[in-house]
Amino acid sequence: MRSKGLVALLAFASLGCSPNPDATARQGSADAETAPAVAAGRHPVSGLQVIDLSVISVRQRHQLRVELADTPEAQARGLMFRTELGDGEGMLFPSDIPDVRSFWMKNTPLSLDIIFVGVDGRIINIAANTEPYLLDSVRSDGIASAVLELRAGRAAELGIAPGDKVEYTLP
């Protein structure tokens, strides 16, 4: 179990589209030039590991390649300062301890869809088309085990909605 001091330090370090420090528990698209780096398992801009993720909606399965923000540092940085995020890309923030999650858009120039995933792997709620640089928190409507960020409007384009199933395997 984490100490309160460590939790406070991690909360203070959160600066971008990442878990808001007030929470109780948060460039580059894949194209022909960057595809080899993504295929090799690392994102060419962030250097984070890239994993496969599926969202299963009523009509179909959507396959994505997402950056894995699985360390406190990666979660604190999130998508800060990024100016591009491709259609098939996203960032996943898994939680060691499921809790109500809260994110903000500080230092994040991209508008995003922030998708909160419950402990059962189903989408709890979606904060769609978040406002760049907004300091107000967007929160999960319940206990979340992960948060998935996509380019703004992408969830609606794909028909992704609360109740849809999110599947991925952590390394």
C-alpha atoms as a PDB file:
ATOM      1  CA  MET A   1       0.000   0.000   0.000  1.00  0.00           C
ATOM      2  CA  ARG A   2       1.319   3.464  -0.868  1.00  0.00           C
ATOM      3  CA  SER A   3       2.169   5.919   1.850  1.00  0.00           C
ATOM      4  CA  LYS A   4       0.251   9.180   2.106  1.00  0.00           C
ATOM      5  CA  GLY A   5       3.479  11.086   1.444  1.00  0.00           C
ATOM      6  CA  LEU A   6       4.069   9.245  -1.826  1.00  0.00           C
ATOM      7  CA  VAL A   7       0.470   9.801  -2.888  1.00  0.00           C
ATOM      8  CA  ALA A   8       0.803  13.526  -2.103  1.00  0.00           C
ATOM      9  CA  LEU A   9       4.082  13.720  -4.038  1.00  0.00           C
ATOM     10  CA  LEU A  10       2.551  11.974  -7.058  1.00  0.00           C
ATOM     11  CA  ALA A  11      -0.501  14.210  -6.925  1.00  0.00           C
ATOM     12  CA  PHE A  12       1.711  17.300  -6.837  1.00  0.00           C
ATOM     13  CA  ALA A  13       3.731  16.044  -9.823  1.00  0.00           C
ATOM     14  CA  SER A  14       0.665  15.720 -12.066  1.00  0.00           C
ATOM     15  CA  LEU A  15       0.872  18.589 -14.529  1.00  0.00           C
ATOM     16  CA  GLY A  16      -0.822  17.749 -17.832  1.00  0.00           C
ATOM     17  CA  CYS A  17      -3.733  15.818 -19.183  1.00  0.00           C
ATOM     18  CA  SER A  18      -3.153  13.443 -16.422  1.00  0.00           C
ATOM     19  CA  PRO A  19      -4.722  12.727 -13.107  1.00  0.00           C
ATOM     20  CA  ASN A  20      -5.661  16.009 -11.501  1.00  0.00           C
ATOM     21  CA  PRO A  21      -3.755  16.569  -8.271  1.00  0.00           C
ATOM     22  CA  ASP A  22      -7.105  17.214  -6.598  1.00  0.00           C
ATOM     23  CA  ALA A  23      -8.228  13.663  -7.440  1.00  0.00           C
ATOM     24  CA  THR A  24      -8.802  11.109  -4.737  1.00  0.00           C
ATOM     25  CA  ALA A  25      -6.995   8.368  -6.586  1.00  0.00           C
ATOM     26  CA  ARG A  26      -4.384  11.086 -12.987  1.00  0.00           C
ATOM     27  CA  GLN A  27       2.555  14.372 -31.376  1.00  0.00           C
ATOM     28  CA  GLY A  28       2.653  12.353 -33.492  1.00  0.00           C
ATOM     29  CA  SER A  29       0.268  10.082 -35.342  1.00  0.00           C
ATOM     30  CA  ALA A  30       1.225   6.662 -36.630  1.00  0.00           C
ATOM     31  CA  ASP A  31       1.954   7.141 -40.311  1.00  0.00           C
ATOM     32  CA  ALA A  32       4.291   5.538 -42.824  1.00  0.00           C
ATOM     33  CA  GLU A  33       7.284   7.279 -41.262  1.00  0.00           C
ATOM     34  CA  THR A  34       6.502   6.360 -37.626  1.00  0.00           C
ATOM     35  CA  ALA A  35       4.836   2.962 -38.171  1.00  0.00           C
ATOM     36  CA  PRO A  36       8.084   0.961 -37.703  1.00  0.00           C
ATOM     37  CA  ALA A  37       8.674   2.477 -34.262  1.00  0.00           C
ATOM     38  CA  VAL A  38       5.091   1.760 -33.216  1.00  0.00           C
ATOM     39  CA  ALA A  39       5.326  -1.774 -34.589  1.00  0.00           C
ATOM     40  CA  ALA A  40       8.515  -2.240 -32.570  1.00  0.00           C
ATOM     41  CA  GLY A  41       6.533  -1.557 -29.401  1.00  0.00           C
ATOM     42  CA  ARG A  42       7.537   2.043 -28.548  1.00  0.00           C
ATOM     43  CA  HIS A  43       5.780   5.253 -29.524  1.00  0.00           C
ATOM     44  CA  PRO A  44       8.063   7.486 -31.623  1.00  0.00           C
ATOM     45  CA  VAL A  45       7.191  10.673 -29.708  1.00  0.00           C
ATOM     46  CA  SER A  46       6.675   9.596 -26.089  1.00  0.00           C
ATOM     47  CA  GLY A  47       8.924   6.535 -26.063  1.00  0.00           C
ATOM     48  CA  LEU A  48       6.200   4.735 -24.101  1.00  0.00           C
ATOM     49  CA  GLN A  49       5.395   1.110 -24.763  1.00  0.00           C
ATOM     50  CA  VAL A  50       2.518   0.662 -27.224  1.00  0.00           C
ATOM     51  CA  ILE A  51      -0.046  -2.087 -26.680  1.00  0.00           C
ATOM     52  CA  ASP A  52      -3.123  -3.355 -28.490  1.00  0.00           C
ATOM     53  CA  LEU A  53      -6.490  -2.371 -27.054  1.00  0.00           C
ATOM     54  CA  SER A  54      -9.992  -3.260 -28.232  1.00  0.00           C
ATOM     55  CA  VAL A  55     -13.281  -1.539 -27.558  1.00  0.00           C
ATOM     56  CA  ILE A  56     -16.224  -3.832 -28.196  1.00  0.00           C
ATOM     57  CA  SER A  57     -19.381  -1.884 -28.921  1.00  0.00           C
ATOM     58  CA  VAL A  58     -22.823  -3.123 -29.884  1.00  0.00           C
ATOM     59  CA  ARG A  59     -21.969  -3.098 -33.596  1.00  0.00           C
ATOM     60  CA  GLN A  60     -18.278  -3.916 -33.802  1.00  0.00           C
ATOM     61  CA  ARG A  61     -14.815  -4.310 -32.311  1.00  0.00           C
ATOM     62  CA  HIS A  62     -12.519  -1.287 -32.608  1.00  0.00           C
ATOM     63  CA  GLN A  63      -8.777  -2.043 -32.590  1.00  0.00           C
ATOM     64  CA  LEU A  64      -6.412   0.653 -31.286  1.00  0.00           C
ATOM     65  CA  ARG A  65      -2.688   0.922 -30.552  1.00  0.00           C
ATOM     66  CA  VAL A  66      -2.305   2.883 -27.333  1.00  0.00           C
ATOM     67  CA  GLU A  67       0.615   4.303 -25.406  1.00  0.00           C
ATOM     68  CA  LEU A  68       0.838   2.728 -21.963  1.00  0.00           C
ATOM     69  CA  ALA A  69       1.222   5.318 -19.192  1.00  0.00           C
ATOM     70  CA  ASP A  70       1.968   2.796 -16.466  1.00  0.00           C
ATOM     71  CA  THR A  71       4.434   4.699 -14.283  1.00  0.00           C
ATOM     72  CA  PRO A  72       3.805   7.719 -12.064  1.00  0.00           C
ATOM     73  CA  GLU A  73       6.028   9.825 -14.349  1.00  0.00           C
ATOM     74  CA  ALA A  74       4.230   8.747 -17.545  1.00  0.00           C
ATOM     75  CA  GLN A  75       0.842   9.328 -15.922  1.00  0.00           C
ATOM     76  CA  ALA A  76       1.908  12.778 -14.697  1.00  0.00           C
ATOM     77  CA  ARG A  77       3.036  13.744 -18.216  1.00  0.00           C
ATOM     78  CA  GLY A  78       0.109  12.153 -20.051  1.00  0.00           C
ATOM     79  CA  LEU A  79      -0.471  13.931 -23.370  1.00  0.00           C
ATOM     80  CA  MET A  80       0.965  17.246 -22.204  1.00  0.00           C
ATOM     81  CA  PHE A  81       2.329  19.456 -24.966  1.00  0.00           C
ATOM     82  CA  ARG A  82       1.263  16.989 -27.689  1.00  0.00           C
ATOM     83  CA  THR A  83      -0.231  18.523 -30.810  1.00  0.00           C
ATOM     84  CA  GLU A  84      -1.266  15.364 -32.684  1.00  0.00           C
ATOM     85  CA  LEU A  85      -2.930  12.065 -31.902  1.00  0.00           C
ATOM     86  CA  GLY A  86      -3.842   9.724 -34.741  1.00  0.00           C
ATOM     87  CA  ASP A  87      -7.199   8.069 -35.354  1.00  0.00           C
ATOM     88  CA  GLY A  88      -5.930   4.646 -34.268  1.00  0.00           C
ATOM     89  CA  GLU A  89      -3.946   5.971 -31.316  1.00  0.00           C
ATOM     90  CA  GLY A  90      -4.648   6.737 -27.694  1.00  0.00           C
ATOM     91  CA  MET A  91      -3.141   6.623 -24.246  1.00  0.00           C
ATOM     92  CA  LEU A  92      -4.083   4.184 -21.478  1.00  0.00           C
ATOM     93  CA  PHE A  93      -3.692   5.017 -17.780  1.00  0.00           C
ATOM     94  CA  PRO A  94      -4.156   1.790 -15.796  1.00  0.00           C
ATOM     95  CA  SER A  95      -4.680   2.048 -12.026  1.00  0.00           C
ATOM     96  CA  ASP A  96      -2.848  -0.050  -9.474  1.00  0.00           C
ATOM     97  CA  ILE A  97      -5.721   0.608  -7.089  1.00  0.00           C
ATOM     98  CA  PRO A  98      -9.140   1.250  -8.689  1.00  0.00           C
ATOM     99  CA  ASP A  99     -10.687   4.486  -7.441  1.00  0.00           C
ATOM    100  CA  VAL A 100     -12.713   7.473  -8.619  1.00  0.00           C
ATOM    101  CA  ARG A 101     -10.418   9.084 -11.199  1.00  0.00           C
ATOM    102  CA  SER A 102     -10.118  12.779 -11.993  1.00  0.00           C
ATOM    103  CA  PHE A 103      -8.238  14.292 -14.940  1.00  0.00           C
ATOM    104  CA  TRP A 104      -7.575  17.806 -16.152  1.00  0.00           C
ATOM    105  CA  MET A 105      -6.197  19.408 -19.317  1.00  0.00           C
ATOM    106  CA  LYS A 106      -3.388  21.579 -17.951  1.00  0.00           C
ATOM    107  CA  ASN A 107      -0.625  21.993 -20.573  1.00  0.00           C
ATOM    108  CA  THR A 108      -2.601  19.888 -23.051  1.00  0.00           C
ATOM    109  CA  PRO A 109      -3.260  21.643 -26.383  1.00  0.00           C
ATOM    110  CA  LEU A 110      -5.286  18.746 -27.809  1.00  0.00           C
ATOM    111  CA  SER A 111      -8.982  18.352 -27.173  1.00  0.00           C
ATOM    112  CA  LEU A 112      -9.560  14.764 -26.008  1.00  0.00           C
ATOM    113  CA  ASP A 113     -12.218  12.194 -25.245  1.00  0.00           C
ATOM    114  CA  ILE A 114     -11.433  10.910 -21.741  1.00  0.00           C
ATOM    115  CA  ILE A 115     -12.962   7.463 -21.277  1.00  0.00           C
ATOM    116  CA  PHE A 116     -13.287   6.040 -17.771  1.00  0.00           C
ATOM    117  CA  VAL A 117     -13.184   2.234 -17.559  1.00  0.00           C
ATOM    118  CA  GLY A 118     -14.698   0.390 -14.590  1.00  0.00           C
ATOM    119  CA  VAL A 119     -13.292  -2.612 -12.770  1.00  0.00           C
ATOM    120  CA  ASP A 120     -15.472  -4.879 -14.924  1.00  0.00           C
ATOM    121  CA  GLY A 121     -13.787  -3.532 -18.077  1.00  0.00           C
ATOM    122  CA  ARG A 122     -16.879  -1.621 -19.170  1.00  0.00           C
ATOM    123  CA  ILE A 123     -16.922   2.086 -19.933  1.00  0.00           C
ATOM    124  CA  ILE A 124     -18.430   4.035 -17.025  1.00  0.00           C
ATOM    125  CA  ASN A 125     -18.568   7.467 -18.664  1.00  0.00           C
ATOM    126  CA  ILE A 126     -16.910   9.588 -21.334  1.00  0.00           C
ATOM    127  CA  ALA A 127     -15.814  13.205 -20.961  1.00  0.00           C
ATOM    128  CA  ALA A 128     -16.067  14.051 -24.669  1.00  0.00           C
ATOM    129  CA  ASN A 129     -14.329  16.914 -26.449  1.00  0.00           C
ATOM    130  CA  THR A 130     -12.519  18.249 -23.395  1.00  0.00           C
ATOM    131  CA  GLU A 131     -11.369  21.848 -23.598  1.00  0.00           C
ATOM    132  CA  PRO A 132      -7.608  22.273 -24.122  1.00  0.00           C
ATOM    133  CA  TYR A 133      -5.733  23.726 -21.134  1.00  0.00           C
ATOM    134  CA  LEU A 134      -8.855  23.541 -18.910  1.00  0.00           C
ATOM    135  CA  LEU A 135      -7.989  23.349 -15.216  1.00  0.00           C
ATOM    136  CA  ASP A 136     -11.401  22.047 -14.138  1.00  0.00           C
ATOM    137  CA  SER A 137     -11.510  18.344 -13.354  1.00  0.00           C
ATOM    138  CA  VAL A 138     -13.426  15.745 -15.297  1.00  0.00           C
ATOM    139  CA  ARG A 139     -14.294  12.747 -13.150  1.00  0.00           C
ATOM    140  CA  SER A 140     -15.340   9.167 -13.442  1.00  0.00           C
ATOM    141  CA  ASP A 141     -18.913   8.410 -12.435  1.00  0.00           C
ATOM    142  CA  GLY A 142     -17.682   5.492 -10.330  1.00  0.00           C
ATOM    143  CA  ILE A 143     -14.667   3.368  -9.467  1.00  0.00           C
ATOM    144  CA  ALA A 144     -12.317   3.209 -12.463  1.00  0.00           C
ATOM    145  CA  SER A 145      -9.558   0.693 -13.115  1.00  0.00           C
ATOM    146  CA  ALA A 146      -8.236   2.578 -16.158  1.00  0.00           C
ATOM    147  CA  VAL A 147      -8.636   5.709 -18.229  1.00  0.00           C
ATOM    148  CA  LEU A 148      -8.355   5.789 -22.012  1.00  0.00           C
ATOM    149  CA  GLU A 149      -7.711   9.021 -23.901  1.00  0.00           C
ATOM    150  CA  LEU A 150      -8.536   9.399 -27.602  1.00  0.00           C
ATOM    151  CA  ARG A 151      -8.523  12.349 -29.988  1.00  0.00           C
ATOM    152  CA  ALA A 152     -11.614  14.512 -29.351  1.00  0.00           C
ATOM    153  CA  GLY A 153     -14.685  13.246 -31.157  1.00  0.00           C
ATOM    154  CA  ARG A 154     -13.179   9.846 -31.895  1.00  0.00           C
ATOM    155  CA  ALA A 155     -15.424   7.986 -29.431  1.00  0.00           C
ATOM    156  CA  ALA A 156     -18.538   9.403 -31.128  1.00  0.00           C
ATOM    157  CA  GLU A 157     -17.112   8.689 -34.602  1.00  0.00           C
ATOM    158  CA  LEU A 158     -16.643   5.031 -33.639  1.00  0.00           C
ATOM    159  CA  GLY A 159     -19.926   4.785 -31.750  1.00  0.00           C
ATOM    160  CA  ILE A 160     -18.126   4.081 -28.459  1.00  0.00           C
ATOM    161  CA  ALA A 161     -20.452   4.581 -25.494  1.00  0.00           C
ATOM    162  CA  PRO A 162     -20.845   3.808 -21.791  1.00  0.00           C
ATOM    163  CA  GLY A 163     -21.349   0.089 -21.286  1.00  0.00           C
ATOM    164  CA  ASP A 164     -18.970  -0.896 -24.102  1.00  0.00           C
ATOM    165  CA  LYS A 165     -16.240  -3.360 -23.153  1.00  0.00           C
ATOM    166  CA  VAL A 166     -12.536  -2.397 -23.161  1.00  0.00           C
ATOM    167  CA  GLU A 167      -9.998  -5.225 -23.491  1.00  0.00           C
ATOM    168  CA  TYR A 168      -6.226  -5.074 -23.239  1.00  0.00           C
ATOM    169  CA  THR A 169      -3.390  -7.058 -21.710  1.00  0.00           C
ATOM    170  CA  LEU A 170      -0.729  -5.336 -19.636  1.00  0.00           C
ATOM    171  CA  PRO A 171       2.831  -6.537 -20.178  1.00  0.00           C
END
